[in-house]
N, C-alpha and C. Protein backbone atom coordinates (compact mmCIF):
# COMPACT_ATOMS: atom_id res chain seq x y z
N MET A 1 23.27 45.97 9.17
CA MET A 1 24.27 45.79 8.18
C MET A 1 25.49 45.18 8.86
N THR A 2 26.04 44.14 8.27
CA THR A 2 27.15 43.44 8.88
C THR A 2 28.46 44.08 8.48
N ASN A 3 29.26 44.32 9.48
CA ASN A 3 30.59 44.84 9.19
C ASN A 3 31.50 43.69 8.87
N SER A 4 32.17 43.77 7.74
CA SER A 4 33.13 42.73 7.42
C SER A 4 34.23 43.32 6.57
N ASN A 5 35.40 42.71 6.67
CA ASN A 5 36.50 43.15 5.84
C ASN A 5 36.49 42.36 4.55
N HIS A 6 37.47 42.56 3.73
CA HIS A 6 37.48 41.89 2.43
C HIS A 6 37.77 40.41 2.53
N SER A 7 38.26 39.91 3.63
CA SER A 7 38.55 38.49 3.79
C SER A 7 37.30 37.68 4.14
N GLY A 8 36.16 38.32 4.38
CA GLY A 8 34.93 37.63 4.71
C GLY A 8 34.76 37.39 6.19
N GLU A 9 35.72 37.75 7.02
CA GLU A 9 35.62 37.55 8.45
C GLU A 9 34.98 38.79 9.08
N PRO A 10 34.21 38.60 10.15
CA PRO A 10 33.61 39.77 10.80
C PRO A 10 34.71 40.67 11.40
N GLU A 11 34.47 41.95 11.28
CA GLU A 11 35.42 42.88 11.88
C GLU A 11 35.27 42.87 13.38
N ASN A 12 36.34 43.14 14.04
CA ASN A 12 36.36 43.18 15.48
C ASN A 12 36.43 44.65 15.90
N PRO A 13 35.25 45.27 16.14
CA PRO A 13 35.26 46.72 16.41
C PRO A 13 36.02 47.07 17.67
N ALA A 14 36.07 46.18 18.62
CA ALA A 14 36.76 46.50 19.87
C ALA A 14 38.23 46.12 19.79
N ASN A 15 38.65 45.63 18.64
CA ASN A 15 40.03 45.18 18.45
C ASN A 15 40.45 44.19 19.53
N GLU A 16 39.49 43.38 19.98
CA GLU A 16 39.78 42.36 20.97
C GLU A 16 40.18 41.09 20.23
N PRO A 17 40.97 40.27 20.84
CA PRO A 17 41.22 38.96 20.24
C PRO A 17 39.91 38.16 20.19
N ILE A 18 39.71 37.42 19.11
CA ILE A 18 38.47 36.67 18.94
C ILE A 18 38.28 35.66 20.07
N GLU A 19 39.38 35.10 20.60
CA GLU A 19 39.26 34.12 21.67
C GLU A 19 38.58 34.71 22.90
N GLU A 20 38.65 36.02 23.08
CA GLU A 20 38.07 36.63 24.27
C GLU A 20 36.64 37.08 24.06
N ARG A 21 36.11 36.90 22.85
CA ARG A 21 34.73 37.32 22.59
C ARG A 21 33.81 36.15 22.90
N PRO A 22 32.92 36.27 23.89
CA PRO A 22 32.09 35.14 24.33
C PRO A 22 31.11 34.67 23.24
N GLU A 23 30.63 35.57 22.37
CA GLU A 23 29.66 35.12 21.37
C GLU A 23 30.30 34.20 20.31
N LEU A 24 31.62 34.23 20.20
CA LEU A 24 32.32 33.36 19.26
C LEU A 24 32.91 32.15 19.93
N ASP A 25 32.81 32.07 21.25
CA ASP A 25 33.41 30.97 22.00
C ASP A 25 32.41 29.83 22.13
N ARG A 26 32.34 29.00 21.09
CA ARG A 26 31.44 27.86 21.11
C ARG A 26 32.28 26.59 21.11
N SER A 27 31.88 25.66 21.91
CA SER A 27 32.64 24.42 22.00
C SER A 27 32.12 23.42 20.97
N LEU A 28 32.91 22.41 20.73
CA LEU A 28 32.52 21.34 19.84
C LEU A 28 31.32 20.60 20.41
N GLN A 29 31.30 20.43 21.73
CA GLN A 29 30.18 19.74 22.36
C GLN A 29 28.88 20.51 22.14
N ALA A 30 28.92 21.83 22.22
CA ALA A 30 27.72 22.62 21.98
C ALA A 30 27.24 22.44 20.55
N ASP A 31 28.16 22.38 19.60
CA ASP A 31 27.80 22.16 18.20
C ASP A 31 27.18 20.78 18.01
N VAL A 32 27.77 19.77 18.66
CA VAL A 32 27.24 18.41 18.54
C VAL A 32 25.87 18.33 19.18
N ASN A 33 25.68 18.96 20.35
CA ASN A 33 24.37 18.98 21.00
C ASN A 33 23.33 19.65 20.12
N ALA A 34 23.71 20.76 19.49
CA ALA A 34 22.78 21.45 18.59
C ALA A 34 22.45 20.57 17.38
N LEU A 35 23.45 19.86 16.87
CA LEU A 35 23.22 18.95 15.75
C LEU A 35 22.29 17.81 16.15
N ILE A 36 22.47 17.27 17.35
CA ILE A 36 21.59 16.21 17.84
C ILE A 36 20.17 16.72 17.99
N ASP A 37 20.02 17.92 18.56
CA ASP A 37 18.68 18.51 18.70
C ASP A 37 18.02 18.71 17.35
N ASP A 38 18.81 19.21 16.38
CA ASP A 38 18.27 19.38 15.04
C ASP A 38 17.88 18.05 14.42
N GLY A 39 18.68 17.02 14.66
CA GLY A 39 18.36 15.68 14.17
C GLY A 39 17.07 15.15 14.77
N LYS A 40 16.90 15.35 16.07
CA LYS A 40 15.68 14.91 16.73
C LYS A 40 14.47 15.64 16.16
N THR A 41 14.61 16.93 15.95
CA THR A 41 13.53 17.72 15.38
C THR A 41 13.19 17.21 13.98
N TYR A 42 14.22 16.91 13.19
CA TYR A 42 13.99 16.40 11.84
C TYR A 42 13.28 15.05 11.89
N VAL A 43 13.71 14.15 12.77
CA VAL A 43 13.09 12.84 12.87
C VAL A 43 11.62 12.98 13.30
N GLU A 44 11.37 13.84 14.27
CA GLU A 44 9.98 14.04 14.72
C GLU A 44 9.11 14.59 13.60
N ALA A 45 9.64 15.54 12.84
CA ALA A 45 8.89 16.11 11.72
C ALA A 45 8.66 15.05 10.64
N GLU A 46 9.68 14.25 10.37
CA GLU A 46 9.55 13.20 9.34
C GLU A 46 8.53 12.14 9.77
N LEU A 47 8.56 11.76 11.05
CA LEU A 47 7.58 10.79 11.55
C LEU A 47 6.16 11.36 11.44
N ALA A 48 5.98 12.59 11.80
CA ALA A 48 4.66 13.22 11.69
C ALA A 48 4.20 13.25 10.23
N PHE A 49 5.11 13.57 9.33
CA PHE A 49 4.79 13.59 7.91
C PHE A 49 4.40 12.21 7.41
N GLN A 50 5.17 11.18 7.78
CA GLN A 50 4.88 9.82 7.33
C GLN A 50 3.55 9.32 7.93
N LYS A 51 3.26 9.71 9.18
CA LYS A 51 1.97 9.33 9.78
C LYS A 51 0.82 9.95 9.00
N SER A 52 0.99 11.19 8.60
CA SER A 52 -0.08 11.84 7.84
C SER A 52 -0.23 11.20 6.46
N ARG A 53 0.88 10.77 5.86
CA ARG A 53 0.80 10.08 4.56
C ARG A 53 0.10 8.74 4.71
N ILE A 54 0.41 8.01 5.78
CA ILE A 54 -0.23 6.71 6.03
C ILE A 54 -1.73 6.91 6.27
N SER A 55 -2.05 7.94 7.02
CA SER A 55 -3.47 8.23 7.29
C SER A 55 -4.21 8.55 5.98
N LEU A 56 -3.60 9.34 5.13
CA LEU A 56 -4.19 9.68 3.85
C LEU A 56 -4.36 8.42 2.99
N ALA A 57 -3.32 7.60 2.94
CA ALA A 57 -3.38 6.37 2.13
C ALA A 57 -4.46 5.43 2.67
N ALA A 58 -4.56 5.30 3.98
CA ALA A 58 -5.57 4.42 4.58
C ALA A 58 -6.97 4.94 4.26
N ASN A 59 -7.15 6.23 4.36
CA ASN A 59 -8.47 6.82 4.10
C ASN A 59 -8.86 6.62 2.64
N ARG A 60 -7.92 6.89 1.74
CA ARG A 60 -8.22 6.72 0.31
C ARG A 60 -8.42 5.23 -0.02
N SER A 61 -7.61 4.37 0.58
CA SER A 61 -7.76 2.93 0.32
C SER A 61 -9.10 2.43 0.82
N LYS A 62 -9.52 2.92 1.99
CA LYS A 62 -10.80 2.50 2.54
C LYS A 62 -11.92 2.91 1.59
N SER A 63 -11.85 4.12 1.08
CA SER A 63 -12.86 4.58 0.14
C SER A 63 -12.82 3.75 -1.14
N GLY A 64 -11.62 3.43 -1.61
CA GLY A 64 -11.49 2.63 -2.81
C GLY A 64 -12.07 1.24 -2.64
N VAL A 65 -11.83 0.63 -1.48
CA VAL A 65 -12.39 -0.70 -1.20
C VAL A 65 -13.91 -0.65 -1.16
N ILE A 66 -14.45 0.39 -0.57
CA ILE A 66 -15.90 0.54 -0.51
C ILE A 66 -16.48 0.64 -1.92
N TYR A 67 -15.83 1.42 -2.80
CA TYR A 67 -16.31 1.53 -4.18
C TYR A 67 -16.19 0.21 -4.93
N ILE A 68 -15.12 -0.54 -4.69
CA ILE A 68 -14.98 -1.85 -5.34
C ILE A 68 -16.09 -2.80 -4.85
N LEU A 69 -16.37 -2.79 -3.56
CA LEU A 69 -17.45 -3.66 -3.04
C LEU A 69 -18.80 -3.26 -3.62
N ALA A 70 -19.02 -1.96 -3.76
CA ALA A 70 -20.28 -1.50 -4.37
C ALA A 70 -20.36 -1.96 -5.84
N ALA A 71 -19.25 -1.87 -6.56
CA ALA A 71 -19.23 -2.32 -7.95
C ALA A 71 -19.50 -3.82 -8.03
N LEU A 72 -18.90 -4.60 -7.13
CA LEU A 72 -19.14 -6.03 -7.12
C LEU A 72 -20.60 -6.37 -6.79
N ALA A 73 -21.20 -5.58 -5.92
CA ALA A 73 -22.62 -5.79 -5.59
C ALA A 73 -23.47 -5.54 -6.84
N PHE A 74 -23.18 -4.48 -7.58
CA PHE A 74 -23.93 -4.21 -8.81
C PHE A 74 -23.68 -5.30 -9.86
N LEU A 75 -22.42 -5.78 -9.94
CA LEU A 75 -22.12 -6.86 -10.87
C LEU A 75 -22.90 -8.12 -10.51
N HIS A 76 -23.00 -8.40 -9.22
CA HIS A 76 -23.75 -9.55 -8.76
C HIS A 76 -25.22 -9.42 -9.17
N LEU A 77 -25.78 -8.24 -8.98
CA LEU A 77 -27.18 -8.02 -9.37
C LEU A 77 -27.36 -8.15 -10.88
N ALA A 78 -26.38 -7.66 -11.65
CA ALA A 78 -26.46 -7.79 -13.10
C ALA A 78 -26.41 -9.25 -13.54
N LEU A 79 -25.57 -10.04 -12.88
CA LEU A 79 -25.50 -11.46 -13.22
C LEU A 79 -26.79 -12.19 -12.84
N ILE A 80 -27.39 -11.80 -11.73
CA ILE A 80 -28.69 -12.39 -11.37
C ILE A 80 -29.72 -12.05 -12.45
N GLY A 81 -29.69 -10.81 -12.91
CA GLY A 81 -30.59 -10.41 -13.99
C GLY A 81 -30.34 -11.21 -15.26
N ALA A 82 -29.07 -11.49 -15.57
CA ALA A 82 -28.75 -12.28 -16.75
C ALA A 82 -29.26 -13.71 -16.61
N VAL A 83 -29.14 -14.28 -15.41
CA VAL A 83 -29.64 -15.63 -15.16
C VAL A 83 -31.16 -15.66 -15.31
N VAL A 84 -31.83 -14.72 -14.68
CA VAL A 84 -33.29 -14.67 -14.77
C VAL A 84 -33.73 -14.46 -16.22
N GLY A 85 -33.01 -13.55 -16.91
CA GLY A 85 -33.33 -13.30 -18.31
C GLY A 85 -33.11 -14.54 -19.16
N GLY A 86 -32.04 -15.28 -18.89
CA GLY A 86 -31.80 -16.52 -19.62
C GLY A 86 -32.91 -17.53 -19.40
N ILE A 87 -33.36 -17.62 -18.18
CA ILE A 87 -34.45 -18.56 -17.88
C ILE A 87 -35.72 -18.12 -18.62
N ILE A 88 -36.05 -16.84 -18.54
CA ILE A 88 -37.26 -16.33 -19.20
C ILE A 88 -37.17 -16.54 -20.72
N THR A 89 -35.99 -16.34 -21.28
CA THR A 89 -35.81 -16.51 -22.72
C THR A 89 -35.99 -17.96 -23.13
N LEU A 90 -35.53 -18.88 -22.32
CA LEU A 90 -35.61 -20.30 -22.68
C LEU A 90 -36.96 -20.95 -22.35
N ILE A 91 -37.81 -20.31 -21.58
CA ILE A 91 -39.11 -20.90 -21.19
C ILE A 91 -39.93 -21.30 -22.42
N PRO A 92 -40.05 -20.46 -23.46
CA PRO A 92 -40.87 -20.88 -24.61
C PRO A 92 -40.28 -22.11 -25.31
N LEU A 93 -38.98 -22.31 -25.28
CA LEU A 93 -38.36 -23.44 -25.96
C LEU A 93 -38.38 -24.72 -25.13
N MET A 94 -38.18 -24.60 -23.80
CA MET A 94 -38.00 -25.77 -22.95
C MET A 94 -39.01 -25.88 -21.83
N GLY A 95 -39.79 -24.89 -21.61
CA GLY A 95 -40.69 -24.86 -20.47
C GLY A 95 -39.95 -24.32 -19.26
N PRO A 96 -40.68 -23.95 -18.20
CA PRO A 96 -40.03 -23.35 -17.03
C PRO A 96 -39.00 -24.24 -16.36
N GLY A 97 -39.33 -25.51 -16.18
CA GLY A 97 -38.39 -26.41 -15.52
C GLY A 97 -37.15 -26.65 -16.36
N GLY A 98 -37.34 -26.86 -17.64
CA GLY A 98 -36.21 -27.11 -18.53
C GLY A 98 -35.28 -25.90 -18.65
N ALA A 99 -35.90 -24.71 -18.72
CA ALA A 99 -35.11 -23.48 -18.81
C ALA A 99 -34.28 -23.29 -17.54
N THR A 100 -34.90 -23.53 -16.41
CA THR A 100 -34.20 -23.38 -15.13
C THR A 100 -33.05 -24.38 -15.05
N LEU A 101 -33.32 -25.65 -15.43
CA LEU A 101 -32.28 -26.66 -15.40
C LEU A 101 -31.15 -26.34 -16.37
N ALA A 102 -31.46 -25.81 -17.52
CA ALA A 102 -30.43 -25.49 -18.51
C ALA A 102 -29.52 -24.37 -17.99
N VAL A 103 -30.12 -23.32 -17.46
CA VAL A 103 -29.32 -22.19 -16.98
C VAL A 103 -28.51 -22.59 -15.75
N VAL A 104 -29.13 -23.26 -14.80
CA VAL A 104 -28.43 -23.67 -13.59
C VAL A 104 -27.35 -24.70 -13.94
N GLY A 105 -27.65 -25.61 -14.85
CA GLY A 105 -26.66 -26.59 -15.30
C GLY A 105 -25.46 -25.91 -15.94
N GLY A 106 -25.71 -24.92 -16.78
CA GLY A 106 -24.60 -24.16 -17.38
C GLY A 106 -23.74 -23.47 -16.34
N LEU A 107 -24.38 -22.90 -15.37
CA LEU A 107 -23.63 -22.24 -14.29
C LEU A 107 -22.83 -23.25 -13.47
N LEU A 108 -23.40 -24.41 -13.20
CA LEU A 108 -22.68 -25.45 -12.45
C LEU A 108 -21.49 -25.99 -13.23
N ILE A 109 -21.64 -26.08 -14.55
CA ILE A 109 -20.49 -26.48 -15.39
C ILE A 109 -19.38 -25.43 -15.28
N GLY A 110 -19.77 -24.16 -15.28
CA GLY A 110 -18.78 -23.08 -15.11
C GLY A 110 -18.09 -23.16 -13.74
N VAL A 111 -18.89 -23.45 -12.70
CA VAL A 111 -18.32 -23.59 -11.35
C VAL A 111 -17.31 -24.73 -11.33
N ALA A 112 -17.70 -25.87 -11.92
CA ALA A 112 -16.80 -27.02 -11.94
C ALA A 112 -15.50 -26.71 -12.69
N ALA A 113 -15.62 -25.98 -13.81
CA ALA A 113 -14.41 -25.62 -14.58
C ALA A 113 -13.47 -24.73 -13.75
N PHE A 114 -14.04 -23.75 -13.10
CA PHE A 114 -13.20 -22.86 -12.27
C PHE A 114 -12.58 -23.60 -11.09
N LEU A 115 -13.34 -24.49 -10.47
CA LEU A 115 -12.79 -25.27 -9.36
C LEU A 115 -11.68 -26.19 -9.86
N TRP A 116 -11.85 -26.78 -11.03
CA TRP A 116 -10.80 -27.65 -11.59
C TRP A 116 -9.53 -26.86 -11.85
N MET A 117 -9.65 -25.64 -12.39
CA MET A 117 -8.47 -24.80 -12.64
C MET A 117 -7.82 -24.38 -11.33
N ALA A 118 -8.61 -24.06 -10.32
CA ALA A 118 -8.05 -23.68 -9.02
C ALA A 118 -7.32 -24.87 -8.38
N ARG A 119 -7.92 -26.05 -8.49
CA ARG A 119 -7.30 -27.26 -7.96
C ARG A 119 -5.94 -27.49 -8.62
N ALA A 120 -5.87 -27.31 -9.93
CA ALA A 120 -4.61 -27.51 -10.63
C ALA A 120 -3.54 -26.52 -10.14
N LYS A 121 -3.94 -25.28 -9.91
CA LYS A 121 -2.98 -24.29 -9.42
C LYS A 121 -2.50 -24.63 -8.02
N PHE A 122 -3.42 -25.05 -7.14
CA PHE A 122 -3.02 -25.39 -5.77
C PHE A 122 -2.16 -26.65 -5.74
N LEU A 123 -2.47 -27.62 -6.60
CA LEU A 123 -1.62 -28.82 -6.68
C LEU A 123 -0.22 -28.46 -7.17
N SER A 124 -0.15 -27.56 -8.14
CA SER A 124 1.16 -27.12 -8.65
C SER A 124 1.95 -26.44 -7.53
N LEU A 125 1.29 -25.61 -6.76
CA LEU A 125 1.93 -24.94 -5.64
C LEU A 125 2.37 -25.95 -4.58
N SER A 126 1.51 -26.91 -4.28
CA SER A 126 1.82 -27.92 -3.29
C SER A 126 3.03 -28.75 -3.74
N ASN A 127 3.06 -29.12 -5.01
CA ASN A 127 4.19 -29.90 -5.52
C ASN A 127 5.49 -29.11 -5.47
N ALA A 128 5.41 -27.81 -5.70
CA ALA A 128 6.61 -26.98 -5.64
C ALA A 128 7.19 -26.99 -4.22
N PHE A 129 6.33 -26.96 -3.19
CA PHE A 129 6.82 -26.99 -1.82
C PHE A 129 7.30 -28.38 -1.43
N LYS A 130 6.65 -29.42 -1.95
CA LYS A 130 7.10 -30.78 -1.65
C LYS A 130 8.47 -31.04 -2.26
N THR A 131 8.70 -30.56 -3.47
CA THR A 131 9.98 -30.73 -4.13
C THR A 131 11.07 -30.01 -3.36
N GLY A 132 10.78 -28.80 -2.91
CA GLY A 132 11.75 -28.02 -2.12
C GLY A 132 12.04 -28.68 -0.79
N ALA A 133 11.03 -29.26 -0.14
CA ALA A 133 11.22 -29.93 1.15
C ALA A 133 12.04 -31.20 0.98
N ALA A 134 11.80 -31.92 -0.11
CA ALA A 134 12.57 -33.15 -0.35
C ALA A 134 14.04 -32.84 -0.62
N GLU A 135 14.29 -31.76 -1.36
CA GLU A 135 15.67 -31.36 -1.64
C GLU A 135 16.36 -30.91 -0.35
N ASP A 136 15.65 -30.23 0.53
CA ASP A 136 16.24 -29.74 1.78
C ASP A 136 16.59 -30.92 2.69
N SER A 137 15.72 -31.96 2.72
CA SER A 137 15.96 -33.07 3.63
C SER A 137 17.11 -33.97 3.12
N GLU A 138 17.38 -33.95 1.81
CA GLU A 138 18.49 -34.76 1.27
C GLU A 138 19.83 -34.15 1.63
N GLN A 139 19.90 -32.89 1.84
CA GLN A 139 21.19 -32.22 2.12
C GLN A 139 21.59 -32.40 3.50
């Protein structure tokens, strides 16, 4: 139980001046050193915490990427099945060669369309950098 008077200050049972009590004689430098030590401890704890968060995020991200790759593999197999099914479906109408050419031709048209759209995006990006470079060289 702490002895204290009504002012909130500890009582001095020996009626000694506080300046002569060694347990209360702390210097500013000791307080600053203690604060620095506490700061170092806090930084070390925070770094350890952030490392564990990064490790958790990396582990979860790695698992997520693996699941996405597995899903893409299944999607690829499904699309192969759709292509084969399309060929089989068209064989009675066009024969095996015609069905194969029709399905492969349709896929190549899709490839060309996507490449054309990608080319347009890259040209747009290239023009944006050329315009910026021309403006920079004029100044």
